[in-house]
Amino acid sequence: RLNGDTLEGSPEAALAYGAIAGTLFHLGQYPVALAFYQKALSIREQTLGEVHMDTGLLYNNIGACYDMLNRVTEAIESFSRALDVIKFQFGMSHPRTATCLRNLSRVKTRRFDFTVTFAARKATPCPPSLLGKPKTAKKGKKGAKGKKGAKKKK
């Protein structure tokens, strides 16, 4: 919450939160920027609705924060919502639609950009029964029982 915020819940407050978030994003403070973008988004959704140009741009900016925080699944979800809104508002030939498509495809390809490595393992010995060798009898007295079932001598 901003100190002295008398515009709570108004589109102007959302604009202020979005501007602060943009500055924080460019300063590399992604978690804090994300919180401000989300606050701006909640105000925009209440005042302008989910299918408004400004709401779509906030979805895109939130996706960029998630992307920078390596939260790929959330970034894809946010960029997809942004694309839906921007495409609805502007159509497929608008530059903002192209930006949303580019952001979404970049994150989707990065999702599969990883390498898998396995730690070296020590060989596991093969059980004798699989090798065709007979099991060896355990040493000890025939018919002896463990502590629990052993008979007590008097």
N, C-alpha and C. Protein backbone atom coordinates (compact mmCIF):
# COMPACT_ATOMS: atom_id res chain seq x y z
N ARG A 1 0.84 -1.17 0.00
CA ARG A 1 0.00 0.00 0.00
C ARG A 1 0.89 1.23 0.00
N LEU A 2 0.53 2.19 -0.82
CA LEU A 2 1.27 3.44 -0.89
C LEU A 2 0.85 4.35 0.26
N ASN A 3 1.81 5.06 0.86
CA ASN A 3 1.50 6.02 1.92
C ASN A 3 0.67 7.16 1.36
N GLY A 4 -0.38 7.51 2.09
CA GLY A 4 -1.23 8.61 1.66
C GLY A 4 -2.06 8.27 0.44
N ASP A 5 -2.30 6.99 0.22
CA ASP A 5 -3.05 6.55 -0.96
C ASP A 5 -4.53 6.87 -0.78
N THR A 6 -4.97 7.93 -1.42
CA THR A 6 -6.39 8.31 -1.33
C THR A 6 -7.15 7.80 -2.55
N LEU A 7 -6.45 7.19 -3.48
CA LEU A 7 -7.07 6.71 -4.71
C LEU A 7 -7.27 5.20 -4.68
N GLU A 8 -7.29 4.61 -3.50
CA GLU A 8 -7.39 3.15 -3.36
C GLU A 8 -8.54 2.61 -4.19
N GLY A 9 -8.23 1.65 -5.06
CA GLY A 9 -9.24 1.01 -5.87
C GLY A 9 -9.61 1.75 -7.14
N SER A 10 -8.92 2.83 -7.46
CA SER A 10 -9.24 3.58 -8.67
C SER A 10 -8.26 3.20 -9.78
N PRO A 11 -8.63 3.45 -11.03
CA PRO A 11 -7.70 3.17 -12.13
C PRO A 11 -6.39 3.95 -12.02
N GLU A 12 -6.45 5.13 -11.40
CA GLU A 12 -5.22 5.92 -11.22
C GLU A 12 -4.27 5.23 -10.25
N ALA A 13 -4.82 4.60 -9.22
CA ALA A 13 -3.98 3.85 -8.27
C ALA A 13 -3.33 2.67 -8.98
N ALA A 14 -4.07 2.01 -9.84
CA ALA A 14 -3.51 0.89 -10.60
C ALA A 14 -2.38 1.38 -11.50
N LEU A 15 -2.56 2.55 -12.07
CA LEU A 15 -1.51 3.13 -12.91
C LEU A 15 -0.25 3.40 -12.09
N ALA A 16 -0.42 3.93 -10.86
CA ALA A 16 0.72 4.21 -9.99
C ALA A 16 1.43 2.91 -9.58
N TYR A 17 0.64 1.90 -9.19
CA TYR A 17 1.25 0.61 -8.83
C TYR A 17 2.00 0.00 -10.01
N GLY A 18 1.41 0.12 -11.20
CA GLY A 18 2.07 -0.43 -12.39
C GLY A 18 3.36 0.30 -12.71
N ALA A 19 3.37 1.62 -12.53
CA ALA A 19 4.58 2.41 -12.80
C ALA A 19 5.69 2.05 -11.81
N ILE A 20 5.33 1.91 -10.55
CA ILE A 20 6.33 1.51 -9.53
C ILE A 20 6.86 0.12 -9.86
N ALA A 21 5.95 -0.77 -10.25
CA ALA A 21 6.36 -2.14 -10.58
C ALA A 21 7.31 -2.15 -11.77
N GLY A 22 7.03 -1.32 -12.77
CA GLY A 22 7.91 -1.25 -13.94
C GLY A 22 9.30 -0.78 -13.57
N THR A 23 9.37 0.20 -12.69
CA THR A 23 10.68 0.69 -12.23
C THR A 23 11.42 -0.40 -11.47
N LEU A 24 10.72 -1.07 -10.57
CA LEU A 24 11.34 -2.15 -9.79
C LEU A 24 11.79 -3.29 -10.70
N PHE A 25 11.01 -3.59 -11.73
CA PHE A 25 11.38 -4.64 -12.67
C PHE A 25 12.69 -4.29 -13.35
N HIS A 26 12.82 -3.07 -13.82
CA HIS A 26 14.04 -2.67 -14.52
C HIS A 26 15.23 -2.53 -13.58
N LEU A 27 14.96 -2.43 -12.27
CA LEU A 27 16.05 -2.43 -11.29
C LEU A 27 16.44 -3.85 -10.86
N GLY A 28 15.72 -4.83 -11.39
CA GLY A 28 16.03 -6.22 -11.07
C GLY A 28 15.38 -6.74 -9.80
N GLN A 29 14.44 -5.99 -9.25
CA GLN A 29 13.73 -6.39 -8.03
C GLN A 29 12.44 -7.12 -8.42
N TYR A 30 12.59 -8.29 -9.02
CA TYR A 30 11.45 -9.00 -9.61
C TYR A 30 10.38 -9.44 -8.61
N PRO A 31 10.73 -9.97 -7.44
CA PRO A 31 9.66 -10.36 -6.51
C PRO A 31 8.82 -9.17 -6.04
N VAL A 32 9.46 -8.03 -5.79
CA VAL A 32 8.74 -6.84 -5.33
C VAL A 32 7.91 -6.27 -6.49
N ALA A 33 8.49 -6.26 -7.68
CA ALA A 33 7.76 -5.79 -8.85
C ALA A 33 6.52 -6.65 -9.09
N LEU A 34 6.66 -7.95 -8.90
CA LEU A 34 5.54 -8.86 -9.08
C LEU A 34 4.40 -8.52 -8.13
N ALA A 35 4.74 -8.23 -6.87
CA ALA A 35 3.71 -7.87 -5.89
C ALA A 35 2.97 -6.59 -6.30
N PHE A 36 3.71 -5.60 -6.80
CA PHE A 36 3.07 -4.35 -7.24
C PHE A 36 2.23 -4.58 -8.49
N TYR A 37 2.73 -5.39 -9.42
CA TYR A 37 1.94 -5.70 -10.62
C TYR A 37 0.64 -6.43 -10.24
N GLN A 38 0.72 -7.34 -9.29
CA GLN A 38 -0.47 -8.08 -8.88
C GLN A 38 -1.49 -7.17 -8.19
N LYS A 39 -0.99 -6.22 -7.41
CA LYS A 39 -1.90 -5.24 -6.79
C LYS A 39 -2.58 -4.40 -7.87
N ALA A 40 -1.81 -3.94 -8.85
CA ALA A 40 -2.37 -3.17 -9.96
C ALA A 40 -3.39 -4.01 -10.73
N LEU A 41 -3.08 -5.29 -10.93
CA LEU A 41 -3.99 -6.18 -11.66
C LEU A 41 -5.32 -6.36 -10.93
N SER A 42 -5.25 -6.53 -9.62
CA SER A 42 -6.51 -6.71 -8.87
C SER A 42 -7.40 -5.47 -8.99
N ILE A 43 -6.78 -4.29 -8.97
CA ILE A 43 -7.56 -3.05 -9.12
C ILE A 43 -8.12 -2.96 -10.54
N ARG A 44 -7.29 -3.28 -11.54
CA ARG A 44 -7.74 -3.21 -12.94
C ARG A 44 -8.90 -4.17 -13.20
N GLU A 45 -8.80 -5.38 -12.65
CA GLU A 45 -9.87 -6.35 -12.87
C GLU A 45 -11.18 -5.88 -12.24
N GLN A 46 -11.09 -5.20 -11.09
CA GLN A 46 -12.30 -4.70 -10.43
C GLN A 46 -12.89 -3.51 -11.17
N THR A 47 -12.04 -2.62 -11.64
CA THR A 47 -12.54 -1.38 -12.22
C THR A 47 -12.78 -1.46 -13.73
N LEU A 48 -11.91 -2.17 -14.45
CA LEU A 48 -12.03 -2.18 -15.91
C LEU A 48 -12.47 -3.54 -16.47
N GLY A 49 -12.34 -4.59 -15.68
CA GLY A 49 -12.72 -5.93 -16.15
C GLY A 49 -11.50 -6.71 -16.63
N GLU A 50 -11.73 -8.00 -16.83
CA GLU A 50 -10.63 -8.89 -17.23
C GLU A 50 -10.26 -8.76 -18.70
N VAL A 51 -11.18 -8.26 -19.52
CA VAL A 51 -10.94 -8.20 -20.96
C VAL A 51 -10.75 -6.74 -21.38
N HIS A 52 -9.79 -6.09 -20.77
CA HIS A 52 -9.47 -4.70 -21.12
C HIS A 52 -8.00 -4.66 -21.52
N MET A 53 -7.67 -3.72 -22.39
CA MET A 53 -6.31 -3.60 -22.88
C MET A 53 -5.30 -3.46 -21.73
N ASP A 54 -5.58 -2.60 -20.76
CA ASP A 54 -4.65 -2.38 -19.65
C ASP A 54 -4.49 -3.63 -18.79
N THR A 55 -5.55 -4.38 -18.62
CA THR A 55 -5.48 -5.63 -17.87
C THR A 55 -4.60 -6.63 -18.61
N GLY A 56 -4.76 -6.68 -19.93
CA GLY A 56 -3.92 -7.57 -20.74
C GLY A 56 -2.45 -7.22 -20.66
N LEU A 57 -2.15 -5.93 -20.64
CA LEU A 57 -0.75 -5.51 -20.53
C LEU A 57 -0.17 -5.89 -19.16
N LEU A 58 -0.99 -5.82 -18.13
CA LEU A 58 -0.52 -6.24 -16.80
C LEU A 58 -0.27 -7.75 -16.76
N TYR A 59 -1.13 -8.53 -17.43
CA TYR A 59 -0.87 -9.97 -17.51
C TYR A 59 0.49 -10.23 -18.17
N ASN A 60 0.77 -9.48 -19.21
CA ASN A 60 2.05 -9.63 -19.90
C ASN A 60 3.22 -9.26 -18.98
N ASN A 61 3.09 -8.17 -18.24
CA ASN A 61 4.16 -7.73 -17.34
C ASN A 61 4.35 -8.72 -16.19
N ILE A 62 3.26 -9.27 -15.70
CA ILE A 62 3.36 -10.28 -14.64
C ILE A 62 4.06 -11.53 -15.18
N GLY A 63 3.73 -11.89 -16.43
CA GLY A 63 4.42 -13.01 -17.06
C GLY A 63 5.92 -12.77 -17.18
N ALA A 64 6.31 -11.53 -17.47
CA ALA A 64 7.73 -11.20 -17.56
C ALA A 64 8.41 -11.35 -16.20
N CYS A 65 7.73 -10.97 -15.13
CA CYS A 65 8.28 -11.16 -13.78
C CYS A 65 8.46 -12.64 -13.48
N TYR A 66 7.42 -13.43 -13.77
CA TYR A 66 7.52 -14.87 -13.54
C TYR A 66 8.66 -15.47 -14.35
N ASP A 67 8.82 -14.98 -15.57
CA ASP A 67 9.89 -15.47 -16.44
C ASP A 67 11.25 -15.18 -15.80
N MET A 68 11.43 -13.98 -15.30
CA MET A 68 12.72 -13.62 -14.70
C MET A 68 12.97 -14.37 -13.38
N LEU A 69 11.89 -14.80 -12.73
CA LEU A 69 12.02 -15.57 -11.49
C LEU A 69 12.11 -17.08 -11.75
N ASN A 70 12.17 -17.45 -13.03
CA ASN A 70 12.25 -18.85 -13.45
C ASN A 70 11.02 -19.66 -13.04
N ARG A 71 9.90 -19.03 -12.94
CA ARG A 71 8.63 -19.72 -12.64
C ARG A 71 7.90 -19.88 -13.96
N VAL A 72 8.37 -20.86 -14.74
CA VAL A 72 7.97 -21.02 -16.13
C VAL A 72 6.48 -21.31 -16.29
N THR A 73 5.94 -22.18 -15.46
CA THR A 73 4.52 -22.54 -15.61
C THR A 73 3.63 -21.32 -15.41
N GLU A 74 3.92 -20.52 -14.38
CA GLU A 74 3.12 -19.32 -14.13
C GLU A 74 3.32 -18.29 -15.24
N ALA A 75 4.55 -18.22 -15.78
CA ALA A 75 4.82 -17.28 -16.87
C ALA A 75 4.01 -17.65 -18.10
N ILE A 76 3.96 -18.95 -18.41
CA ILE A 76 3.18 -19.39 -19.57
C ILE A 76 1.70 -19.06 -19.38
N GLU A 77 1.20 -19.32 -18.18
CA GLU A 77 -0.21 -19.02 -17.90
C GLU A 77 -0.50 -17.53 -18.05
N SER A 78 0.37 -16.69 -17.52
CA SER A 78 0.15 -15.25 -17.57
C SER A 78 0.28 -14.72 -19.00
N PHE A 79 1.30 -15.18 -19.73
CA PHE A 79 1.46 -14.75 -21.12
C PHE A 79 0.28 -15.22 -21.98
N SER A 80 -0.26 -16.41 -21.68
CA SER A 80 -1.42 -16.91 -22.43
C SER A 80 -2.65 -16.04 -22.19
N ARG A 81 -2.86 -15.65 -20.94
CA ARG A 81 -3.99 -14.75 -20.63
C ARG A 81 -3.80 -13.41 -21.32
N ALA A 82 -2.57 -12.90 -21.29
CA ALA A 82 -2.29 -11.62 -21.97
C ALA A 82 -2.58 -11.73 -23.46
N LEU A 83 -2.15 -12.84 -24.05
CA LEU A 83 -2.37 -13.02 -25.48
C LEU A 83 -3.87 -13.07 -25.81
N ASP A 84 -4.64 -13.76 -24.98
CA ASP A 84 -6.08 -13.85 -25.21
C ASP A 84 -6.73 -12.46 -25.19
N VAL A 85 -6.36 -11.67 -24.19
CA VAL A 85 -6.97 -10.33 -24.05
C VAL A 85 -6.51 -9.41 -25.17
N ILE A 86 -5.22 -9.39 -25.45
CA ILE A 86 -4.68 -8.49 -26.48
C ILE A 86 -5.21 -8.87 -27.86
N LYS A 87 -5.28 -10.17 -28.12
CA LYS A 87 -5.81 -10.63 -29.40
C LYS A 87 -7.28 -10.24 -29.56
N PHE A 88 -8.03 -10.34 -28.46
CA PHE A 88 -9.44 -9.95 -28.48
C PHE A 88 -9.59 -8.44 -28.73
N GLN A 89 -8.73 -7.65 -28.08
CA GLN A 89 -8.84 -6.18 -28.18
C GLN A 89 -8.30 -5.64 -29.50
N PHE A 90 -7.16 -6.18 -29.98
CA PHE A 90 -6.47 -5.59 -31.12
C PHE A 90 -6.45 -6.44 -32.38
N GLY A 91 -6.67 -7.72 -32.26
CA GLY A 91 -6.57 -8.61 -33.43
C GLY A 91 -5.17 -9.16 -33.58
N MET A 92 -5.01 -10.05 -34.55
CA MET A 92 -3.73 -10.75 -34.73
C MET A 92 -2.65 -9.89 -35.38
N SER A 93 -3.00 -8.83 -36.07
CA SER A 93 -2.00 -8.06 -36.80
C SER A 93 -1.39 -6.91 -36.00
N HIS A 94 -1.77 -6.74 -34.74
CA HIS A 94 -1.28 -5.63 -33.93
C HIS A 94 0.10 -5.96 -33.36
N PRO A 95 0.98 -4.96 -33.22
CA PRO A 95 2.33 -5.20 -32.67
C PRO A 95 2.31 -5.74 -31.23
N ARG A 96 1.34 -5.35 -30.43
CA ARG A 96 1.28 -5.86 -29.06
C ARG A 96 0.93 -7.35 -29.05
N THR A 97 0.11 -7.77 -30.00
CA THR A 97 -0.19 -9.19 -30.12
C THR A 97 1.07 -9.95 -30.48
N ALA A 98 1.86 -9.38 -31.38
CA ALA A 98 3.13 -10.01 -31.76
C ALA A 98 4.07 -10.11 -30.56
N THR A 99 4.09 -9.10 -29.73
CA THR A 99 4.94 -9.13 -28.53
C THR A 99 4.50 -10.25 -27.58
N CYS A 100 3.20 -10.37 -27.37
CA CYS A 100 2.69 -11.44 -26.49
C CYS A 100 3.02 -12.81 -27.06
N LEU A 101 2.85 -12.98 -28.37
CA LEU A 101 3.19 -14.25 -29.01
C LEU A 101 4.68 -14.58 -28.85
N ARG A 102 5.52 -13.57 -29.05
CA ARG A 102 6.97 -13.76 -28.91
C ARG A 102 7.34 -14.14 -27.48
N ASN A 103 6.76 -13.45 -26.49
CA ASN A 103 7.04 -13.77 -25.10
C ASN A 103 6.61 -15.19 -24.75
N LEU A 104 5.43 -15.55 -25.19
CA LEU A 104 4.90 -16.88 -24.91
C LEU A 104 5.76 -17.97 -25.55
N SER A 105 6.13 -17.78 -26.81
CA SER A 105 6.93 -18.81 -27.48
C SER A 105 8.33 -18.91 -26.88
N ARG A 106 8.89 -17.78 -26.46
CA ARG A 106 10.23 -17.80 -25.85
C ARG A 106 10.22 -18.61 -24.55
N VAL A 107 9.19 -18.40 -23.74
CA VAL A 107 9.10 -19.13 -22.47
C VAL A 107 8.82 -20.61 -22.71
N LYS A 108 7.96 -20.91 -23.69
CA LYS A 108 7.66 -22.31 -23.97
C LYS A 108 8.87 -23.07 -24.47
N THR A 109 9.69 -22.44 -25.30
CA THR A 109 10.90 -23.13 -25.77
C THR A 109 11.92 -23.25 -24.66
N ARG A 110 11.97 -22.27 -23.78
CA ARG A 110 12.92 -22.35 -22.66
C ARG A 110 12.52 -23.43 -21.68
N ARG A 111 11.24 -23.75 -21.64
CA ARG A 111 10.75 -24.78 -20.73
C ARG A 111 11.46 -26.11 -20.99
N PHE A 112 11.80 -26.37 -22.25
CA PHE A 112 12.42 -27.63 -22.62
C PHE A 112 13.92 -27.48 -22.85
N ASP A 113 14.48 -26.37 -22.46
CA ASP A 113 15.90 -26.12 -22.66
C ASP A 113 16.64 -26.48 -21.38
N PHE A 114 16.88 -27.75 -21.19
CA PHE A 114 17.61 -28.19 -20.01
C PHE A 114 18.36 -29.47 -20.35
N THR A 115 19.33 -29.80 -19.55
CA THR A 115 20.08 -31.04 -19.73
C THR A 115 19.88 -31.92 -18.51
N VAL A 116 19.89 -33.19 -18.76
CA VAL A 116 19.71 -34.15 -17.69
C VAL A 116 21.03 -34.88 -17.49
N THR A 117 21.48 -34.90 -16.28
CA THR A 117 22.69 -35.65 -15.95
C THR A 117 22.37 -36.63 -14.84
N PHE A 118 23.06 -37.73 -14.88
CA PHE A 118 22.86 -38.75 -13.87
C PHE A 118 24.17 -38.94 -13.11
N ALA A 119 24.05 -39.13 -11.81
CA ALA A 119 25.23 -39.38 -10.99
C ALA A 119 25.73 -40.79 -11.26
N ALA A 120 27.03 -40.97 -11.19
CA ALA A 120 27.61 -42.29 -11.39
C ALA A 120 27.14 -43.22 -10.29
N ARG A 121 26.83 -44.44 -10.67
CA ARG A 121 26.35 -45.42 -9.70
C ARG A 121 27.30 -46.59 -9.61
N LYS A 122 27.37 -47.15 -8.43
CA LYS A 122 28.15 -48.36 -8.23
C LYS A 122 27.32 -49.53 -8.74
N ALA A 123 27.98 -50.49 -9.36
CA ALA A 123 27.26 -51.64 -9.90
C ALA A 123 26.59 -52.41 -8.78
N THR A 124 25.36 -52.84 -9.04
CA THR A 124 24.61 -53.63 -8.07
C THR A 124 24.92 -55.10 -8.32
N PRO A 125 25.35 -55.84 -7.28
CA PRO A 125 25.66 -57.26 -7.50
C PRO A 125 24.40 -58.04 -7.84
N CYS A 126 24.56 -59.00 -8.72
CA CYS A 126 23.45 -59.83 -9.14
C CYS A 126 23.17 -60.89 -8.08
N PRO A 127 21.91 -61.11 -7.73
CA PRO A 127 21.61 -62.14 -6.74
C PRO A 127 22.02 -63.52 -7.23
N PRO A 128 22.53 -64.37 -6.32
CA PRO A 128 23.00 -65.70 -6.73
C PRO A 128 21.91 -66.54 -7.40
N SER A 129 20.65 -66.36 -7.00
CA SER A 129 19.57 -67.16 -7.58
C SER A 129 19.41 -66.88 -9.07
N LEU A 130 19.73 -65.67 -9.50
CA LEU A 130 19.64 -65.34 -10.92
C LEU A 130 20.83 -65.87 -11.71
N LEU A 131 21.93 -66.11 -11.02
CA LEU A 131 23.12 -66.64 -11.68
C LEU A 131 23.09 -68.16 -11.80
N GLY A 132 22.11 -68.80 -11.21
CA GLY A 132 22.01 -70.23 -11.26
C GLY A 132 22.81 -70.92 -10.17
N LYS A 133 23.29 -70.17 -9.21
CA LYS A 133 24.05 -70.75 -8.11
C LYS A 133 23.09 -71.09 -6.98
N PRO A 134 23.31 -72.22 -6.31
CA PRO A 134 22.43 -72.57 -5.18
C PRO A 134 22.69 -71.64 -4.02
N LYS A 135 21.63 -71.45 -3.23
CA LYS A 135 21.77 -70.61 -2.04
C LYS A 135 22.61 -71.36 -1.02
N THR A 136 23.42 -70.64 -0.31
CA THR A 136 24.23 -71.27 0.74
C THR A 136 23.45 -71.22 2.04
N ALA A 137 23.56 -72.31 2.79
CA ALA A 137 22.85 -72.38 4.08
C ALA A 137 23.53 -71.49 5.08
N LYS A 138 22.73 -70.93 5.96
CA LYS A 138 23.29 -70.07 6.99
C LYS A 138 23.93 -70.94 8.06
N LYS A 139 24.97 -70.42 8.62
CA LYS A 139 25.67 -71.13 9.69
C LYS A 139 24.88 -71.01 10.97
N GLY A 140 24.94 -72.02 11.78
CA GLY A 140 24.23 -71.98 13.05
C GLY A 140 23.62 -73.33 13.35
N LYS A 141 22.99 -73.46 14.50
CA LYS A 141 22.37 -74.72 14.90
C LYS A 141 21.10 -74.96 14.12
N LYS A 142 20.91 -76.24 13.79
CA LYS A 142 19.72 -76.62 13.05
C LYS A 142 18.52 -76.53 13.99
N GLY A 143 17.51 -75.86 13.55
CA GLY A 143 16.29 -75.75 14.34
C GLY A 143 16.36 -74.70 15.42
N ALA A 144 17.42 -73.94 15.52
CA ALA A 144 17.50 -72.93 16.56
C ALA A 144 16.58 -71.77 16.22
N LYS A 145 16.01 -71.25 17.25
CA LYS A 145 15.10 -70.13 17.06
C LYS A 145 15.75 -68.87 17.58
N GLY A 146 15.20 -67.75 17.19
CA GLY A 146 15.72 -66.47 17.66
C GLY A 146 15.39 -66.26 19.12
N LYS A 147 15.75 -65.14 19.64
CA LYS A 147 15.55 -64.83 21.06
C LYS A 147 14.08 -64.96 21.47
N LYS A 148 13.21 -64.43 20.64
CA LYS A 148 11.81 -64.40 21.03
C LYS A 148 11.21 -65.79 21.18
N GLY A 149 11.51 -66.67 20.25
CA GLY A 149 10.89 -67.98 20.27
C GLY A 149 11.75 -69.05 20.91
N ALA A 150 12.91 -68.70 21.42
CA ALA A 150 13.82 -69.71 22.00
C ALA A 150 13.25 -70.26 23.29
N LYS A 151 13.49 -71.57 23.49
CA LYS A 151 13.05 -72.21 24.73
C LYS A 151 14.07 -71.93 25.81
N LYS A 152 13.57 -71.70 26.99
CA LYS A 152 14.46 -71.42 28.11
C LYS A 152 14.87 -72.72 28.74
N LYS A 153 16.14 -72.81 29.08
CA LYS A 153 16.65 -73.99 29.78
C LYS A 153 16.49 -73.79 31.26
N LYS A 154 16.12 -74.86 31.95
CA LYS A 154 15.95 -74.78 33.40
C LYS A 154 17.09 -75.36 34.12
